Each structure stands twice: as structure tokens, then as C-alpha cells.
PDB file of N, CA and C in Angstrom:
ATOM      1  N   MET A   1      83.106 109.981 109.183  1.00  0.00           N
ATOM      2  CA  MET A   1      82.377 109.070 107.956  1.00  0.00           C
ATOM      3  C   MET A   1      83.695 108.500 107.357  1.00  0.00           C
ATOM      4  N   TYR A   2      83.362 107.407 107.199  1.00  0.00           N
ATOM      5  CA  TYR A   2      84.137 106.576 106.126  1.00  0.00           C
ATOM      6  C   TYR A   2      83.863 105.975 104.658  1.00  0.00           C
ATOM      7  N   LEU A   3      84.740 105.604 104.070  1.00  0.00           N
ATOM      8  CA  LEU A   3      84.395 105.357 102.473  1.00  0.00           C
ATOM      9  C   LEU A   3      84.015 103.905 102.909  1.00  0.00           C
ATOM     10  N   SER A   4      83.245 103.377 103.647  1.00  0.00           N
ATOM     11  CA  SER A   4      82.945 101.821 103.956  1.00  0.00           C
ATOM     12  C   SER A   4      82.235 101.222 102.899  1.00  0.00           C
ATOM     13  N   ARG A   5      81.503 102.059 102.075  1.00  0.00           N
ATOM     14  CA  ARG A   5      81.024 101.373 101.097  1.00  0.00           C
ATOM     15  C   ARG A   5      81.755 100.750  99.858  1.00  0.00           C
ATOM     16  N   PHE A   6      82.956 101.445  99.876  1.00  0.00           N
ATOM     17  CA  PHE A   6      83.939 101.161  98.824  1.00  0.00           C
ATOM     18  C   PHE A   6      84.828  99.909  99.228  1.00  0.00           C
ATOM     19  N   SER A   7      84.857  99.745 100.763  1.00  0.00           N
ATOM     20  CA  SER A   7      85.839  98.759 101.151  1.00  0.00           C
ATOM     21  C   SER A   7      85.585  97.466 101.233  1.00  0.00           C
ATOM     22  N   ASP A   8      84.301  97.241 100.745  1.00  0.00           N
ATOM     23  CA  ASP A   8      83.765  95.605 100.377  1.00  0.00           C
ATOM     24  C   ASP A   8      84.224  95.499  99.338  1.00  0.00           C
ATOM     25  N   THR A   9      85.719  95.446  98.699  1.00  0.00           N
ATOM     26  CA  THR A   9      85.835  95.007  97.563  1.00  0.00           C
ATOM     27  C   THR A   9      86.114  93.742  96.985  1.00  0.00           C
ATOM     28  N   MET A  10      85.346  93.524  95.837  1.00  0.00           N
ATOM     29  CA  MET A  10      85.353  92.171  95.433  1.00  0.00           C
ATOM     30  C   MET A  10      86.683  91.705  94.827  1.00  0.00           C
ATOM     31  N   GLU A  11      86.583  90.229  94.836  1.00  0.00           N
ATOM     32  CA  GLU A  11      88.037  89.664  94.175  1.00  0.00           C
ATOM     33  C   GLU A  11      88.535  90.659  93.034  1.00  0.00           C
ATOM     34  N   GLY A  12      89.557  91.270  92.831  1.00  0.00           N
ATOM     35  CA  GLY A  12      90.027  91.692  91.488  1.00  0.00           C
ATOM     36  C   GLY A  12      90.151  93.142  91.407  1.00  0.00           C
ATOM     37  N   GLU A  13      89.059  93.570  92.325  1.00  0.00           N
ATOM     38  CA  GLU A  13      88.876  95.108  92.420  1.00  0.00           C
ATOM     39  C   GLU A  13      90.038  95.616  93.470  1.00  0.00           C
ATOM     40  N   MET A  14      90.447  96.943  93.120  1.00  0.00           N
ATOM     41  CA  MET A  14      91.445  97.622  93.755  1.00  0.00           C
ATOM     42  C   MET A  14      91.011  98.332  94.931  1.00  0.00           C
ATOM     43  N   THR A  15      91.564  98.463  96.151  1.00  0.00           N
ATOM     44  CA  THR A  15      91.344  99.000  97.242  1.00  0.00           C
ATOM     45  C   THR A  15      91.763 100.552  97.175  1.00  0.00           C
ATOM     46  N   PHE A  16      91.493 101.317  98.044  1.00  0.00           N
ATOM     47  CA  PHE A  16      91.476 102.794  97.899  1.00  0.00           C
ATOM     48  C   PHE A  16      93.001 102.582  98.154  1.00  0.00           C
ATOM     49  N   GLY A  17      93.662 102.073  98.990  1.00  0.00           N
ATOM     50  CA  GLY A  17      95.332 102.061  99.298  1.00  0.00           C
ATOM     51  C   GLY A  17      95.954 101.508  97.801  1.00  0.00           C
ATOM     52  N   ASP A  18      95.232 100.664  97.043  1.00  0.00           N
ATOM     53  CA  ASP A  18      95.866 100.072  95.940  1.00  0.00           C
ATOM     54  C   ASP A  18      96.055 101.540  94.945  1.00  0.00           C
ATOM     55  N   VAL A  19      95.032 102.297  94.828  1.00  0.00           N
ATOM     56  CA  VAL A  19      94.736 103.456  94.019  1.00  0.00           C
ATOM     57  C   VAL A  19      95.784 104.514  94.133  1.00  0.00           C
ATOM     58  N   VAL A  20      95.690 104.686  95.618  1.00  0.00           N
ATOM     59  CA  VAL A  20      96.757 105.514  95.972  1.00  0.00           C
ATOM     60  C   VAL A  20      97.961 105.417  95.502  1.00  0.00           C
ATOM     61  N   ALA A  21      98.673 104.055  95.664  1.00  0.00           N
ATOM     62  CA  ALA A  21     100.105 103.763  95.327  1.00  0.00           C
ATOM     63  C   ALA A  21     100.234 103.698  93.861  1.00  0.00           C
ATOM     64  N   LEU A  22      98.922 103.215  93.271  1.00  0.00           N
ATOM     65  CA  LEU A  22      99.228 103.624  91.490  1.00  0.00           C
ATOM     66  C   LEU A  22      99.168 105.010  91.217  1.00  0.00           C
ATOM     67  N   TYR A  23      98.573 106.141  91.819  1.00  0.00           N
ATOM     68  CA  TYR A  23      98.835 107.274  91.443  1.00  0.00           C
ATOM     69  C   TYR A  23     100.044 107.805  91.858  1.00  0.00           C
ATOM     70  N   LEU A  24     100.612 107.313  92.898  1.00  0.00           N
ATOM     71  CA  LEU A  24     101.948 107.813  93.297  1.00  0.00           C
ATOM     72  C   LEU A  24     102.846 107.443  92.251  1.00  0.00           C
ATOM     73  N   ASP A  25     102.675 106.064  91.755  1.00  0.00           N
ATOM     74  CA  ASP A  25     103.513 105.478  90.725  1.00  0.00           C
ATOM     75  C   ASP A  25     103.242 106.402  89.397  1.00  0.00           C
ATOM     76  N   GLU A  26     102.098 106.528  89.012  1.00  0.00           N
ATOM     77  CA  GLU A  26     101.906 107.389  87.738  1.00  0.00           C
ATOM     78  C   GLU A  26     102.380 108.712  87.791  1.00  0.00           C
ATOM     79  N   LEU A  27     102.383 109.447  88.742  1.00  0.00           N
ATOM     80  CA  LEU A  27     102.582 110.714  88.975  1.00  0.00           C
ATOM     81  C   LEU A  27     103.962 111.068  89.278  1.00  0.00           C
ATOM     82  N   GLY A  28     104.612 109.942  89.915  1.00  0.00           N
ATOM     83  CA  GLY A  28     105.937 110.045  90.032  1.00  0.00           C
ATOM     84  C   GLY A  28     106.342 110.934  91.555  1.00  0.00           C
ATOM     85  N   ILE A  29     105.312 110.427  92.420  1.00  0.00           N
ATOM     86  CA  ILE A  29     105.385 111.132  93.323  1.00  0.00           C
ATOM     87  C   ILE A  29     105.685 110.055  94.729  1.00  0.00           C
ATOM     88  N   SER A  30     106.643 110.417  95.472  1.00  0.00           N
ATOM     89  CA  SER A  30     107.021 109.504  96.637  1.00  0.00           C
ATOM     90  C   SER A  30     106.112 109.728  97.731  1.00  0.00           C
ATOM     91  N   GLN A  31     106.171 108.533  98.623  1.00  0.00           N
ATOM     92  CA  GLN A  31     105.446 108.553  99.813  1.00  0.00           C
ATOM     93  C   GLN A  31     105.858 109.663 100.893  1.00  0.00           C
ATOM     94  N   SER A  32     106.894 109.874 100.470  1.00  0.00           N
ATOM     95  CA  SER A  32     107.489 111.275 101.428  1.00  0.00           C
ATOM     96  C   SER A  32     107.081 112.486 100.949  1.00  0.00           C
ATOM     97  N   GLU A  33     107.050 112.561  99.755  1.00  0.00           N
ATOM     98  CA  GLU A  33     106.312 113.874  98.820  1.00  0.00           C
ATOM     99  C   GLU A  33     104.776 113.987  99.043  1.00  0.00           C
ATOM    100  N   LEU A  34     104.383 112.900  99.110  1.00  0.00           N
ATOM    101  CA  LEU A  34     102.738 112.960  99.440  1.00  0.00           C
ATOM    102  C   LEU A  34     102.389 113.136 100.911  1.00  0.00           C
ATOM    103  N   ALA A  35     103.273 112.738 101.830  1.00  0.00           N
ATOM    104  CA  ALA A  35     103.292 113.178 103.314  1.00  0.00           C
ATOM    105  C   ALA A  35     103.343 114.535 103.492  1.00  0.00           C
ATOM    106  N   ARG A  36     104.448 115.068 102.768  1.00  0.00           N
ATOM    107  CA  ARG A  36     104.791 116.829 102.994  1.00  0.00           C
ATOM    108  C   ARG A  36     103.560 117.231 102.380  1.00  0.00           C
ATOM    109  N   ARG A  37     102.645 116.955 101.380  1.00  0.00           N
ATOM    110  CA  ARG A  37     102.039 117.676 100.787  1.00  0.00           C
ATOM    111  C   ARG A  37     100.777 117.708 101.738  1.00  0.00           C
ATOM    112  N   MET A  38     100.664 116.608 102.644  1.00  0.00           N
ATOM    113  CA  MET A  38      99.499 116.386 103.334  1.00  0.00           C
ATOM    114  C   MET A  38      99.684 117.057 104.840  1.00  0.00           C
ATOM    115  N   ASN A  39     101.034 117.754 105.010  1.00  0.00           N
ATOM    116  CA  ASN A  39     101.371 117.903 106.427  1.00  0.00           C
ATOM    117  C   ASN A  39     101.253 116.811 107.380  1.00  0.00           C
ATOM    118  N   THR A  40     101.808 115.610 107.023  1.00  0.00           N
ATOM    119  CA  THR A  40     101.889 114.459 107.733  1.00  0.00           C
ATOM    120  C   THR A  40     103.294 113.657 107.681  1.00  0.00           C
ATOM    121  N   GLY A  41     103.348 112.625 108.339  1.00  0.00           N
ATOM    122  CA  GLY A  41     104.587 111.739 108.262  1.00  0.00           C
ATOM    123  C   GLY A  41     104.381 110.520 107.014  1.00  0.00           C
ATOM    124  N   ARG A  42     105.532 110.354 106.668  1.00  0.00           N
ATOM    125  CA  ARG A  42     105.713 109.273 105.395  1.00  0.00           C
ATOM    126  C   ARG A  42     105.349 107.879 106.204  1.00  0.00           C
ATOM    127  N   GLN A  43     105.515 107.505 107.449  1.00  0.00           N
ATOM    128  CA  GLN A  43     105.060 106.667 107.907  1.00  0.00           C
ATOM    129  C   GLN A  43     103.354 106.484 107.948  1.00  0.00           C
ATOM    130  N   THR A  44     102.610 107.566 108.175  1.00  0.00           N
ATOM    131  CA  THR A  44     101.378 107.806 107.835  1.00  0.00           C
ATOM    132  C   THR A  44     100.674 107.545 106.412  1.00  0.00           C
ATOM    133  N   VAL A  45     101.379 107.837 105.724  1.00  0.00           N
ATOM    134  CA  VAL A  45     101.056 107.661 104.265  1.00  0.00           C
ATOM    135  C   VAL A  45     101.143 106.148 103.838  1.00  0.00           C
ATOM    136  N   ASN A  46     102.288 105.410 104.404  1.00  0.00           N
ATOM    137  CA  ASN A  46     102.633 103.954 104.220  1.00  0.00           C
ATOM    138  C   ASN A  46     101.484 103.222 104.855  1.00  0.00           C
ATOM    139  N   SER A  47     101.215 103.682 105.929  1.00  0.00           N
ATOM    140  CA  SER A  47      99.983 102.974 106.747  1.00  0.00           C
ATOM    141  C   SER A  47      98.863 103.122 106.047  1.00  0.00           C
ATOM    142  N   ILE A  48      98.608 104.129 105.267  1.00  0.00           N
ATOM    143  CA  ILE A  48      97.184 104.700 104.500  1.00  0.00           C
ATOM    144  C   ILE A  48      97.477 103.363 103.543  1.00  0.00           C
ATOM    145  N   ILE A  49      98.203 103.191 102.876  1.00  0.00           N
ATOM    146  CA  ILE A  49      98.491 102.384 101.843  1.00  0.00           C
ATOM    147  C   ILE A  49      98.505 101.099 101.677  1.00  0.00           C
ATOM    148  N   ILE A  50      99.289 100.675 102.772  1.00  0.00           N
ATOM    149  CA  ILE A  50      99.142  99.192 103.218  1.00  0.00           C
ATOM    150  C   ILE A  50      97.638  98.884 104.141  1.00  0.00           C
ATOM    151  N   ASP A  51      97.373  99.697 104.906  1.00  0.00           N
ATOM    152  CA  ASP A  51      96.279  99.541 106.132  1.00  0.00           C
ATOM    153  C   ASP A  51      95.096  99.214 105.267  1.00  0.00           C
ATOM    154  N   GLU A  52      94.862 100.450 103.874  1.00  0.00           N
ATOM    155  CA  GLU A  52      93.629 100.489 103.353  1.00  0.00           C
ATOM    156  C   GLU A  52      93.280  99.307 102.629  1.00  0.00           C
ATOM    157  N   ARG A  53      94.250  98.316 102.616  1.00  0.00           N
ATOM    158  CA  ARG A  53      93.885  97.280 101.779  1.00  0.00           C
ATOM    159  C   ARG A  53      92.736  96.360 102.481  1.00  0.00           C
ATOM    160  N   ARG A  54      92.672  96.729 103.992  1.00  0.00           N
ATOM    161  CA  ARG A  54      91.737  96.047 104.864  1.00  0.00           C
ATOM    162  C   ARG A  54      90.582  96.841 105.302  1.00  0.00           C
ATOM    163  N   ARG A  55      90.897  98.049 105.122  1.00  0.00           N
ATOM    164  CA  ARG A  55      89.640  99.119 105.450  1.00  0.00           C
ATOM    165  C   ARG A  55      89.517 100.352 104.800  1.00  0.00           C
ATOM    166  N   ALA A  56      88.448 101.060 104.622  1.00  0.00           N
ATOM    167  CA  ALA A  56      88.632 102.100 103.887  1.00  0.00           C
ATOM    168  C   ALA A  56      88.816 103.221 104.931  1.00  0.00           C
ATOM    169  N   PRO A  57      89.741 104.574 104.095  1.00  0.00           N
ATOM    170  CA  PRO A  57      89.706 105.721 105.222  1.00  0.00           C
ATOM    171  C   PRO A  57      88.675 106.367 105.429  1.00  0.00           C
ATOM    172  N   ARG A  58      88.958 107.491 106.437  1.00  0.00           N
ATOM    173  CA  ARG A  58      87.742 108.033 106.830  1.00  0.00           C
ATOM    174  C   ARG A  58      87.604 109.185 105.661  1.00  0.00           C
ATOM    175  N   LEU A  59      86.484 109.799 105.304  1.00  0.00           N
ATOM    176  CA  LEU A  59      86.353 110.624 104.192  1.00  0.00           C
ATOM    177  C   LEU A  59      87.275 111.585 104.093  1.00  0.00           C
ATOM    178  N   ASP A  60      87.379 112.508 105.231  1.00  0.00           N
ATOM    179  CA  ASP A  60      88.229 113.591 105.222  1.00  0.00           C
ATOM    180  C   ASP A  60      89.714 113.443 104.563  1.00  0.00           C
ATOM    181  N   THR A  61      90.195 112.051 105.361  1.00  0.00           N
ATOM    182  CA  THR A  61      91.331 111.906 104.698  1.00  0.00           C
ATOM    183  C   THR A  61      91.518 111.181 103.510  1.00  0.00           C
ATOM    184  N   ALA A  62      90.544 110.667 102.737  1.00  0.00           N
ATOM    185  CA  ALA A  62      90.528 110.622 101.549  1.00  0.00           C
ATOM    186  C   ALA A  62      90.445 111.594 100.786  1.00  0.00           C
ATOM    187  N   MET A  63      89.763 112.743 101.133  1.00  0.00           N
ATOM    188  CA  MET A  63      89.669 114.061 100.382  1.00  0.00           C
ATOM    189  C   MET A  63      91.324 114.791 100.474  1.00  0.00           C
ATOM    190  N   GLN A  64      91.764 114.429 101.596  1.00  0.00           N
ATOM    191  CA  GLN A  64      92.988 115.199 101.752  1.00  0.00           C
ATOM    192  C   GLN A  64      94.202 114.550 100.812  1.00  0.00           C
ATOM    193  N   ILE A  65      94.086 113.174 100.726  1.00  0.00           N
ATOM    194  CA  ILE A  65      94.828 112.618  99.879  1.00  0.00           C
ATOM    195  C   ILE A  65      94.490 113.035  98.488  1.00  0.00           C
ATOM    196  N   ALA A  66      93.527 112.861  97.818  1.00  0.00           N
ATOM    197  CA  ALA A  66      93.155 113.378  96.623  1.00  0.00           C
ATOM    198  C   ALA A  66      93.516 114.646  96.446  1.00  0.00           C
ATOM    199  N   ASP A  67      93.285 115.748  97.209  1.00  0.00           N
ATOM    200  CA  ASP A  67      93.667 116.731  97.202  1.00  0.00           C
ATOM    201  C   ASP A  67      95.395 117.034  96.821  1.00  0.00           C
ATOM    202  N   ALA A  68      96.153 116.502  97.902  1.00  0.00           N
ATOM    203  CA  ALA A  68      97.384 116.262  97.847  1.00  0.00           C
ATOM    204  C   ALA A  68      97.997 115.949  96.572  1.00  0.00           C
ATOM    205  N   LEU A  69      97.232 114.756  95.536  1.00  0.00           N
ATOM    206  CA  LEU A  69      97.734 114.215  94.537  1.00  0.00           C
ATOM    207  C   LEU A  69      97.109 115.202  93.372  1.00  0.00           C
ATOM    208  N   GLY A  70      96.371 116.118  93.684  1.00  0.00           N
ATOM    209  CA  GLY A  70      95.811 116.779  92.525  1.00  0.00           C
ATOM    210  C   GLY A  70      94.954 115.910  91.709  1.00  0.00           C
ATOM    211  N   VAL A  71      94.099 115.012  92.343  1.00  0.00           N
ATOM    212  CA  VAL A  71      93.226 114.404  91.598  1.00  0.00           C
ATOM    213  C   VAL A  71      91.725 114.390  92.282  1.00  0.00           C
ATOM    214  N   PRO A  72      90.772 114.427  91.288  1.00  0.00           N
ATOM    215  CA  PRO A  72      89.374 114.340  92.052  1.00  0.00           C
ATOM    216  C   PRO A  72      89.106 113.005  92.671  1.00  0.00           C
ATOM    217  N   LEU A  73      88.455 113.060  94.082  1.00  0.00           N
ATOM    218  CA  LEU A  73      88.133 111.706  94.815  1.00  0.00           C
ATOM    219  C   LEU A  73      87.341 110.810  94.078  1.00  0.00           C
ATOM    220  N   GLN A  74      86.208 111.641  93.382  1.00  0.00           N
ATOM    221  CA  GLN A  74      85.410 110.666  92.586  1.00  0.00           C
ATOM    222  C   GLN A  74      86.196 110.103  91.544  1.00  0.00           C
ATOM    223  N   GLU A  75      87.304 110.190  90.572  1.00  0.00           N
ATOM    224  CA  GLU A  75      88.221 109.664  89.896  1.00  0.00           C
ATOM    225  C   GLU A  75      88.910 108.744  90.776  1.00  0.00           C
ATOM    226  N   MET A  76      89.323 108.894  91.742  1.00  0.00           N
ATOM    227  CA  MET A  76      89.990 107.565  92.875  1.00  0.00           C
ATOM    228  C   MET A  76      89.179 106.489  92.803  1.00  0.00           C
ATOM    229  N   ILE A  77      87.875 106.839  93.469  1.00  0.00           N
ATOM    230  CA  ILE A  77      86.961 105.987  93.494  1.00  0.00           C
ATOM    231  C   ILE A  77      86.400 105.169  92.354  1.00  0.00           C
ATOM    232  N   ASN A  78      86.454 105.640  91.371  1.00  0.00           N
ATOM    233  CA  ASN A  78      85.823 105.093  90.014  1.00  0.00           C
ATOM    234  C   ASN A  78      87.153 104.279  89.565  1.00  0.00           C
ATOM    235  N   ARG A  79      88.189 104.563  89.825  1.00  0.00           N
ATOM    236  CA  ARG A  79      89.599 103.510  89.641  1.00  0.00           C
ATOM    237  C   ARG A  79      89.247 102.144  90.331  1.00  0.00           C
ATOM    238  N   MET A  80      89.070 102.324  91.317  1.00  0.00           N
ATOM    239  CA  MET A  80      89.060 101.369  92.165  1.00  0.00           C
ATOM    240  C   MET A  80      88.097 100.350  91.764  1.00  0.00           C
ATOM    241  N   LYS A  81      86.966 100.628  90.996  1.00  0.00           N
ATOM    242  CA  LYS A  81      86.070  99.862  90.245  1.00  0.00           C
ATOM    243  C   LYS A  81      86.503  99.315  88.575  1.00  0.00           C
ATOM    244  N   GLU A  82      87.410  99.875  88.227  1.00  0.00           N
ATOM    245  CA  GLU A  82      87.447  99.740  86.861  1.00  0.00           C
ATOM    246  C   GLU A  82      89.079  98.811  86.787  1.00  0.00           C
ATOM    247  N   GLU A  83      89.847  98.993  87.843  1.00  0.00           N
ATOM    248  CA  GLU A  83      90.888  97.869  87.350  1.00  0.00           C
ATOM    249  C   GLU A  83      90.771  96.592  88.085  1.00  0.00           C
TER     250      GLU A  83
END
């Protein structure tokens, strides 16, 4: 399952990748550290941040990211709509 209903952002709305990048900055976490927490490579995290500007991640991937950041997934989705 994908977060497809959240991928069709209107102009000015943030994508999931934008929100991930925002949390990394706010929490002072590097892409490498997020990758370590997710047990994946930094290139995968970078791809999520860049590629998610075009499409939404799988639900399980989004949940894994939220867990690694220590942030509820719903909060991340809400931020997509707020910014």
C-alpha cells in the first residue's frame, strides 16, 4: 500500500520527502544516521527524500521512517498539509 492519497500535493504543500528532510534538520539527524536507524543505506534515504517529491512511499516504508525519527506518522502527514 502506498500513501498515494497524500502524494497529489497542491502547489505550496510539502511532500513526504520534504517533511523527512525537515525533520532531519529539526532533529539534527544526518541522512547517514537515519539510514543506520532504518538498517539501510544512506543512498536509500537520499532517494526517499528526493524521489518522494514525485511519488509517495509505501506505507511500511513511511512507518519505518517515522519510527526511526521517533515521530508519529500521522504527525508527519499533518505537516505535509500545514507547511
